[in-house]
C-alpha atoms as a PDB file:
ATOM      1  CA  UNK A   1      77.141  65.251 111.795  1.00  0.00           C
ATOM      2  CA  UNK A   2      80.256  67.324 111.242  1.00  0.00           C
ATOM      3  CA  UNK A   3      82.443  65.894 108.460  1.00  0.00           C
ATOM      4  CA  UNK A   4      85.031  68.682 108.720  1.00  0.00           C
ATOM      5  CA  UNK A   5      86.914  69.156 105.435  1.00  0.00           C
ATOM      6  CA  UNK A   6      85.732  65.883 103.861  1.00  0.00           C
ATOM      7  CA  UNK A   7      84.337  66.092 100.334  1.00  0.00           C
ATOM      8  CA  UNK A   8      81.450  63.676 101.072  1.00  0.00           C
ATOM      9  CA  UNK A   9      79.346  63.142 104.203  1.00  0.00           C
ATOM     10  CA  UNK A  10      76.575  60.623 104.819  1.00  0.00           C
ATOM     11  CA  UNK A  11      74.157  60.625 107.749  1.00  0.00           C
ATOM     12  CA  UNK A  12      72.042  57.524 108.401  1.00  0.00           C
ATOM     13  CA  UNK A  13      68.914  58.287 110.427  1.00  0.00           C
ATOM     14  CA  UNK A  14      67.558  55.152 112.149  1.00  0.00           C
ATOM     15  CA  UNK A  15      63.938  54.071 111.623  1.00  0.00           C
ATOM     16  CA  UNK A  16      61.256  55.695 113.734  1.00  0.00           C
ATOM     17  CA  UNK A  17      59.245  53.481 116.069  1.00  0.00           C
ATOM     18  CA  UNK A  18      55.998  55.416 116.048  1.00  0.00           C
ATOM     19  CA  UNK A  19      53.927  57.531 113.711  1.00  0.00           C
ATOM     20  CA  UNK A  20      55.171  59.256 110.590  1.00  0.00           C
ATOM     21  CA  UNK A  21      57.699  61.817 111.739  1.00  0.00           C
ATOM     22  CA  UNK A  22      58.278  64.968 109.785  1.00  0.00           C
ATOM     23  CA  UNK A  23      62.026  65.655 109.667  1.00  0.00           C
ATOM     24  CA  UNK A  24      63.940  68.863 108.976  1.00  0.00           C
ATOM     25  CA  UNK A  25      67.103  68.246 106.942  1.00  0.00           C
ATOM     26  CA  UNK A  26      69.866  70.873 106.881  1.00  0.00           C
ATOM     27  CA  UNK A  27      73.123  70.574 104.934  1.00  0.00           C
ATOM     28  CA  UNK A  28      75.776  73.310 105.138  1.00  0.00           C
ATOM     29  CA  UNK A  29      79.050  73.574 103.194  1.00  0.00           C
ATOM     30  CA  UNK A  30      81.533  76.287 104.197  1.00  0.00           C
ATOM     31  CA  UNK A  31      84.604  77.208 102.144  1.00  0.00           C
ATOM     32  CA  UNK A  32      87.436  79.701 102.521  1.00  0.00           C
ATOM     33  CA  UNK A  33      88.117  82.139  99.726  1.00  0.00           C
ATOM     34  CA  UNK A  34      91.812  83.012  99.732  1.00  0.00           C
ATOM     35  CA  UNK A  35      91.568  84.830  96.362  1.00  0.00           C
ATOM     36  CA  UNK A  36      89.011  85.851  93.737  1.00  0.00           C
ATOM     37  CA  UNK A  37      87.986  83.411  91.013  1.00  0.00           C
ATOM     38  CA  UNK A  38      87.138  80.348  93.114  1.00  0.00           C
ATOM     39  CA  UNK A  39      83.937  78.331  93.126  1.00  0.00           C
ATOM     40  CA  UNK A  40      82.240  75.739  95.325  1.00  0.00           C
ATOM     41  CA  UNK A  41      79.486  73.184  94.761  1.00  0.00           C
ATOM     42  CA  UNK A  42      77.107  71.203  96.980  1.00  0.00           C
ATOM     43  CA  UNK A  43      74.927  68.266  95.930  1.00  0.00           C
ATOM     44  CA  UNK A  44      72.373  66.788  98.334  1.00  0.00           C
ATOM     45  CA  UNK A  45      70.901  63.290  98.004  1.00  0.00           C
ATOM     46  CA  UNK A  46      68.131  61.802 100.150  1.00  0.00           C
ATOM     47  CA  UNK A  47      67.782  58.017 100.041  1.00  0.00           C
ATOM     48  CA  UNK A  48      69.935  57.941  96.898  1.00  0.00           C
ATOM     49  CA  UNK A  49      67.884  60.480  94.919  1.00  0.00           C
ATOM     50  CA  UNK A  50      69.340  63.872  93.987  1.00  0.00           C
ATOM     51  CA  UNK A  51      67.370  66.610  95.781  1.00  0.00           C
ATOM     52  CA  UNK A  52      69.408  69.720  95.086  1.00  0.00           C
ATOM     53  CA  UNK A  53      72.631  70.842  93.423  1.00  0.00           C
ATOM     54  CA  UNK A  54      74.242  74.248  93.218  1.00  0.00           C
ATOM     55  CA  UNK A  55      77.612  75.605  92.064  1.00  0.00           C
ATOM     56  CA  UNK A  56      78.421  79.195  92.952  1.00  0.00           C
ATOM     57  CA  UNK A  57      81.360  81.550  92.670  1.00  0.00           C
ATOM     58  CA  UNK A  58      83.096  81.877  96.024  1.00  0.00           C
ATOM     59  CA  UNK A  59      82.579  85.444  97.263  1.00  0.00           C
ATOM     60  CA  UNK A  60      84.471  87.624  99.771  1.00  0.00           C
ATOM     61  CA  UNK A  61      88.193  86.907  99.090  1.00  0.00           C
ATOM     62  CA  UNK A  62      90.047  86.492 102.376  1.00  0.00           C
ATOM     63  CA  UNK A  63      86.894  85.345 104.193  1.00  0.00           C
ATOM     64  CA  UNK A  64      84.456  82.416 104.016  1.00  0.00           C
ATOM     65  CA  UNK A  65      81.374  81.613 101.957  1.00  0.00           C
ATOM     66  CA  UNK A  66      78.769  78.849 102.146  1.00  0.00           C
ATOM     67  CA  UNK A  67      75.988  76.946 100.449  1.00  0.00           C
ATOM     68  CA  UNK A  68      73.030  75.855 102.575  1.00  0.00           C
ATOM     69  CA  UNK A  69      70.157  73.485 101.841  1.00  0.00           C
ATOM     70  CA  UNK A  70      67.014  72.904 103.923  1.00  0.00           C
ATOM     71  CA  UNK A  71      64.036  70.649 103.309  1.00  0.00           C
ATOM     72  CA  UNK A  72      61.314  68.867 105.254  1.00  0.00           C
ATOM     73  CA  UNK A  73      60.871  65.115 104.694  1.00  0.00           C
ATOM     74  CA  UNK A  74      58.145  62.704 105.769  1.00  0.00           C
ATOM     75  CA  UNK A  75      59.699  59.492 107.052  1.00  0.00           C
ATOM     76  CA  UNK A  76      57.198  56.631 107.548  1.00  0.00           C
ATOM     77  CA  UNK A  77      57.419  54.617 110.765  1.00  0.00           C
ATOM     78  CA  UNK A  78      59.895  51.763 110.457  1.00  0.00           C
ATOM     79  CA  UNK A  79      61.839  53.425 107.641  1.00  0.00           C
ATOM     80  CA  UNK A  80      65.233  55.101 108.058  1.00  0.00           C
ATOM     81  CA  UNK A  81      66.613  58.007 106.077  1.00  0.00           C
ATOM     82  CA  UNK A  82      70.012  58.471 104.397  1.00  0.00           C
ATOM     83  CA  UNK A  83      71.231  62.004 103.670  1.00  0.00           C
ATOM     84  CA  UNK A  84      74.418  62.531 101.654  1.00  0.00           C
ATOM     85  CA  UNK A  85      76.220  65.774 100.873  1.00  0.00           C
ATOM     86  CA  UNK A  86      78.837  65.821  98.084  1.00  0.00           C
ATOM     87  CA  UNK A  87      81.090  68.802  97.513  1.00  0.00           C
ATOM     88  CA  UNK A  88      83.497  70.149  94.917  1.00  0.00           C
ATOM     89  CA  UNK A  89      85.773  73.191  94.929  1.00  0.00           C
ATOM     90  CA  UNK A  90      87.915  74.945  92.341  1.00  0.00           C
ATOM     91  CA  UNK A  91      89.912  78.062  91.583  1.00  0.00           C
ATOM     92  CA  UNK A  92      91.611  78.179  94.972  1.00  0.00           C
ATOM     93  CA  UNK A  93      88.549  77.762  97.222  1.00  0.00           C
ATOM     94  CA  UNK A  94      89.170  75.363 100.131  1.00  0.00           C
ATOM     95  CA  UNK A  95      86.801  73.182 102.128  1.00  0.00           C
ATOM     96  CA  UNK A  96      86.312  74.317 105.731  1.00  0.00           C
ATOM     97  CA  UNK A  97      83.273  72.387 106.989  1.00  0.00           C
ATOM     98  CA  UNK A  98      80.503  70.092 105.753  1.00  0.00           C
ATOM     99  CA  UNK A  99      77.649  69.431 108.173  1.00  0.00           C
ATOM    100  CA  UNK A 100      74.384  67.519 108.022  1.00  0.00           C
ATOM    101  CA  UNK A 101      71.709  67.920 110.665  1.00  0.00           C
ATOM    102  CA  UNK A 102      68.388  66.069 110.808  1.00  0.00           C
ATOM    103  CA  UNK A 103      65.865  66.960 113.499  1.00  0.00           C
ATOM    104  CA  UNK A 104      62.204  66.215 114.124  1.00  0.00           C
ATOM    105  CA  UNK A 105      60.101  69.086 112.798  1.00  0.00           C
ATOM    106  CA  UNK A 106      58.222  71.118 115.368  1.00  0.00           C
END
């Protein structure tokens, strides 16, 4: 799922029909850094529970910076999964892209 410059993105993964799949969850938040002094934040929730949160100074003025989160989740057969990414920016940083990707683990 590509939410573009949105501040929140939610991906609903439908229930599995067989076995207990192991899923890889990746959330990526990219910002532009027009000047020094900016910051960006990413919070990741899985099924409504906070999994990870990080606020960082935006580096590389004139370029882009990102926060990335990866985890592996067991999803019992018949149960779906909801992944939500919430973002914040400040000090001149601007949202560029928020993506969520869920794939079956190899």
